[in-house]
Amino acid sequence: MYGIKVNVVRTTAQVAYQRLLQDLKNNQVACDVFSSTDVGHDVRLKGRREVRTVHSGDGLEDPAGIPELHEPPMATTHTTSAGLVVITYNTSKVKPEDAPKKWTDLLDFKWKGKVSTGHPGFSGYVGTWVLMMKNLYGWDYFDNLERTSRRSVARSTTP
């Protein structure tokens, strides 16, 4: 025992963010530290003035020396994880030379019923991916992907 009581709630980034917003709305915040894989959460919370700024010397510097993603004055976050959303495929069903190489390859009807994606309502990683795909290809990308996609899953990774 170190004298500090910690209650950890492990869930997806988007679910944790929705819970925090609900708590803020009801003025019942039970969260001292909020961790998310979606950098957009910090941007929105900072815009609402719902987070405090961390200053050098607060004892919250990153001991691993990982550079921060934000320049001051956006010093409300500390990078604790980084991940990629990539196209994966089953090598026992798809040859490497036939595998999709870019996101727009998934729109080909040869992948109909064989594509699944994460759901942005449950995964911060997937939420960020959706925003990037929308910025790159427009919302039509998702309308077309829906025609070939089999299903969406709640998480982009498993614990």
Protein backbone atom coordinates (compact mmCIF):
# COMPACT_ATOMS: atom_id res chain seq x y z
CA MET A 1 0.00 0.00 0.00
CA TYR A 2 1.22 3.44 -0.93
CA GLY A 3 -1.54 5.50 0.62
CA ILE A 4 -3.20 6.52 -2.64
CA LYS A 5 -6.58 5.04 -3.47
CA VAL A 6 -7.16 4.63 -7.19
CA ASN A 7 -10.31 3.44 -8.93
CA VAL A 8 -9.70 2.55 -12.56
CA VAL A 9 -12.49 2.31 -15.10
CA ARG A 10 -11.28 0.51 -18.22
CA THR A 11 -13.36 1.08 -21.30
CA THR A 12 -12.99 2.40 -24.81
CA ALA A 13 -12.01 6.04 -25.31
CA GLN A 14 -15.33 7.11 -26.78
CA VAL A 15 -17.38 5.45 -24.04
CA ALA A 16 -15.17 7.05 -21.35
CA TYR A 17 -15.50 10.44 -23.05
CA GLN A 18 -19.29 10.13 -23.27
CA ARG A 19 -19.38 9.20 -19.58
CA LEU A 20 -17.20 12.20 -18.68
CA LEU A 21 -19.44 14.55 -20.69
CA GLN A 22 -22.47 13.14 -18.89
CA ASP A 23 -20.78 13.68 -15.53
CA LEU A 24 -19.83 17.24 -16.48
CA LYS A 25 -23.38 18.00 -17.61
CA ASN A 26 -24.74 16.77 -14.28
CA ASN A 27 -21.97 18.46 -12.26
CA GLN A 28 -21.07 15.04 -10.83
CA VAL A 29 -17.50 14.53 -12.05
CA ALA A 30 -15.85 11.53 -10.43
CA CYS A 31 -12.74 11.72 -12.60
CA ASP A 32 -9.40 13.28 -11.65
CA VAL A 33 -7.45 11.87 -14.60
CA PHE A 34 -8.98 11.20 -17.98
CA SER A 35 -7.06 9.06 -20.46
CA SER A 36 -8.09 8.75 -24.08
CA THR A 37 -6.67 7.44 -27.32
CA ASP A 38 -8.48 10.24 -29.17
CA VAL A 39 -6.51 13.51 -29.11
CA GLY A 40 -9.71 15.28 -30.20
CA HIS A 41 -11.15 14.68 -26.74
CA ASP A 42 -8.50 16.94 -25.21
CA VAL A 43 -9.13 19.61 -27.83
CA ARG A 44 -12.87 19.63 -27.08
CA LEU A 45 -12.41 19.52 -23.29
CA LYS A 46 -9.89 22.36 -23.46
CA GLY A 47 -12.34 24.36 -25.59
CA ARG A 48 -14.95 23.87 -22.86
CA ARG A 49 -12.37 24.85 -20.23
CA GLU A 50 -12.88 21.49 -18.53
CA VAL A 51 -9.20 20.57 -18.06
CA ARG A 52 -6.38 22.20 -16.16
CA THR A 53 -3.09 23.08 -17.75
CA VAL A 54 -0.10 21.03 -16.65
CA HIS A 55 3.06 23.06 -16.16
CA SER A 56 6.62 21.84 -16.15
CA GLY A 57 7.59 21.06 -12.58
CA ASP A 58 4.17 19.64 -11.68
CA GLY A 59 5.79 16.22 -11.39
CA LEU A 60 3.84 15.02 -14.43
CA GLU A 61 6.67 15.03 -16.95
CA ASP A 62 6.97 11.95 -19.08
CA PRO A 63 9.70 9.80 -17.51
CA ALA A 64 10.25 7.91 -20.77
CA GLY A 65 11.13 11.14 -22.59
CA ILE A 66 8.45 10.66 -25.24
CA PRO A 67 7.89 14.03 -26.94
CA GLU A 68 4.51 15.64 -26.44
CA LEU A 69 2.11 15.90 -29.36
CA HIS A 70 1.18 19.49 -28.54
CA GLU A 71 3.10 22.72 -28.33
CA PRO A 72 2.36 25.00 -25.38
CA PRO A 73 -0.13 26.34 -24.37
CA MET A 74 -1.88 23.02 -25.18
CA ALA A 75 -0.05 21.41 -22.26
CA THR A 76 -3.04 19.48 -20.96
CA THR A 77 -2.08 16.10 -22.34
CA HIS A 78 0.74 13.65 -21.96
CA THR A 79 1.25 11.02 -24.61
CA THR A 80 0.78 7.60 -23.04
CA SER A 81 0.03 5.55 -26.12
CA ALA A 82 0.12 5.76 -29.86
CA GLY A 83 -1.42 3.39 -32.30
CA LEU A 84 -2.18 2.89 -35.94
CA VAL A 85 -5.33 1.84 -37.71
CA VAL A 86 -4.19 -0.40 -40.54
CA ILE A 87 -5.71 -2.80 -43.02
CA THR A 88 -5.26 -6.38 -41.85
CA TYR A 89 -6.26 -9.56 -43.62
CA ASN A 90 -6.40 -13.30 -43.05
CA THR A 91 -3.34 -14.77 -44.79
CA SER A 92 -5.02 -18.17 -45.04
CA LYS A 93 -7.78 -16.61 -47.19
CA VAL A 94 -6.05 -13.75 -49.01
CA LYS A 95 -2.72 -13.88 -50.82
CA PRO A 96 -0.39 -10.94 -50.07
CA GLU A 97 -0.43 -9.84 -53.71
CA ASP A 98 -4.26 -9.78 -53.68
CA ALA A 99 -4.60 -7.96 -50.35
CA PRO A 100 -5.94 -4.40 -50.27
CA LYS A 101 -3.04 -1.92 -50.21
CA LYS A 102 -4.93 1.31 -49.59
CA TRP A 103 -8.22 2.27 -47.94
CA THR A 104 -10.03 2.84 -51.23
CA ASP A 105 -9.22 -0.75 -52.25
CA LEU A 106 -11.82 -1.84 -49.69
CA LEU A 107 -14.53 -0.29 -51.88
CA ASP A 108 -13.99 -2.95 -54.57
CA PHE A 109 -16.96 -5.34 -54.69
CA LYS A 110 -14.58 -8.31 -54.53
CA TRP A 111 -14.44 -7.54 -50.78
CA LYS A 112 -18.25 -7.55 -50.35
CA GLY A 113 -19.13 -9.38 -47.16
CA LYS A 114 -15.46 -9.75 -46.22
CA VAL A 115 -14.72 -6.36 -44.62
CA SER A 116 -15.41 -5.40 -41.04
CA THR A 117 -14.58 -2.13 -39.34
CA GLY A 118 -14.54 -0.77 -35.83
CA HIS A 119 -17.32 1.55 -34.68
CA PRO A 120 -16.42 5.20 -33.95
CA GLY A 121 -18.98 5.34 -31.15
CA PHE A 122 -16.91 2.88 -29.14
CA SER A 123 -13.31 3.36 -30.24
CA GLY A 124 -11.23 6.52 -30.17
CA TYR A 125 -8.85 5.02 -32.71
CA VAL A 126 -11.70 4.32 -35.09
CA GLY A 127 -13.23 7.76 -34.46
CA THR A 128 -9.95 9.37 -35.50
CA TRP A 129 -9.74 7.05 -38.54
CA VAL A 130 -13.29 8.00 -39.60
CA LEU A 131 -12.44 11.69 -39.42
CA MET A 132 -9.29 11.17 -41.50
CA MET A 133 -11.12 9.10 -44.13
CA LYS A 134 -13.85 11.76 -44.31
CA ASN A 135 -11.24 14.49 -44.75
CA LEU A 136 -9.40 12.50 -47.44
CA TYR A 137 -12.30 11.01 -49.41
CA GLY A 138 -15.53 12.69 -48.25
CA TRP A 139 -18.53 11.01 -46.66
CA ASP A 140 -19.21 9.14 -49.90
CA TYR A 141 -16.34 6.85 -48.90
CA PHE A 142 -18.47 5.47 -46.05
CA ASP A 143 -21.60 5.21 -48.16
CA ASN A 144 -19.59 3.10 -50.62
CA LEU A 145 -17.83 1.15 -47.85
CA GLU A 146 -21.22 0.26 -46.37
CA ARG A 147 -22.05 -1.53 -49.61
CA THR A 148 -19.04 -3.84 -49.19
CA SER A 149 -18.71 -3.96 -45.41
CA ARG A 150 -19.97 -6.97 -43.51
CA ARG A 151 -20.29 -5.40 -40.09
CA SER A 152 -18.92 -2.96 -37.59
CA VAL A 153 -17.48 -4.09 -34.31
CA ALA A 154 -17.38 -2.16 -31.06
CA ARG A 155 -13.60 -2.11 -30.70
CA SER A 156 -10.69 -1.79 -33.05
CA THR A 157 -8.53 -4.04 -30.87
CA THR A 158 -9.08 -6.58 -28.14
CA PRO A 159 -7.62 -6.20 -24.66
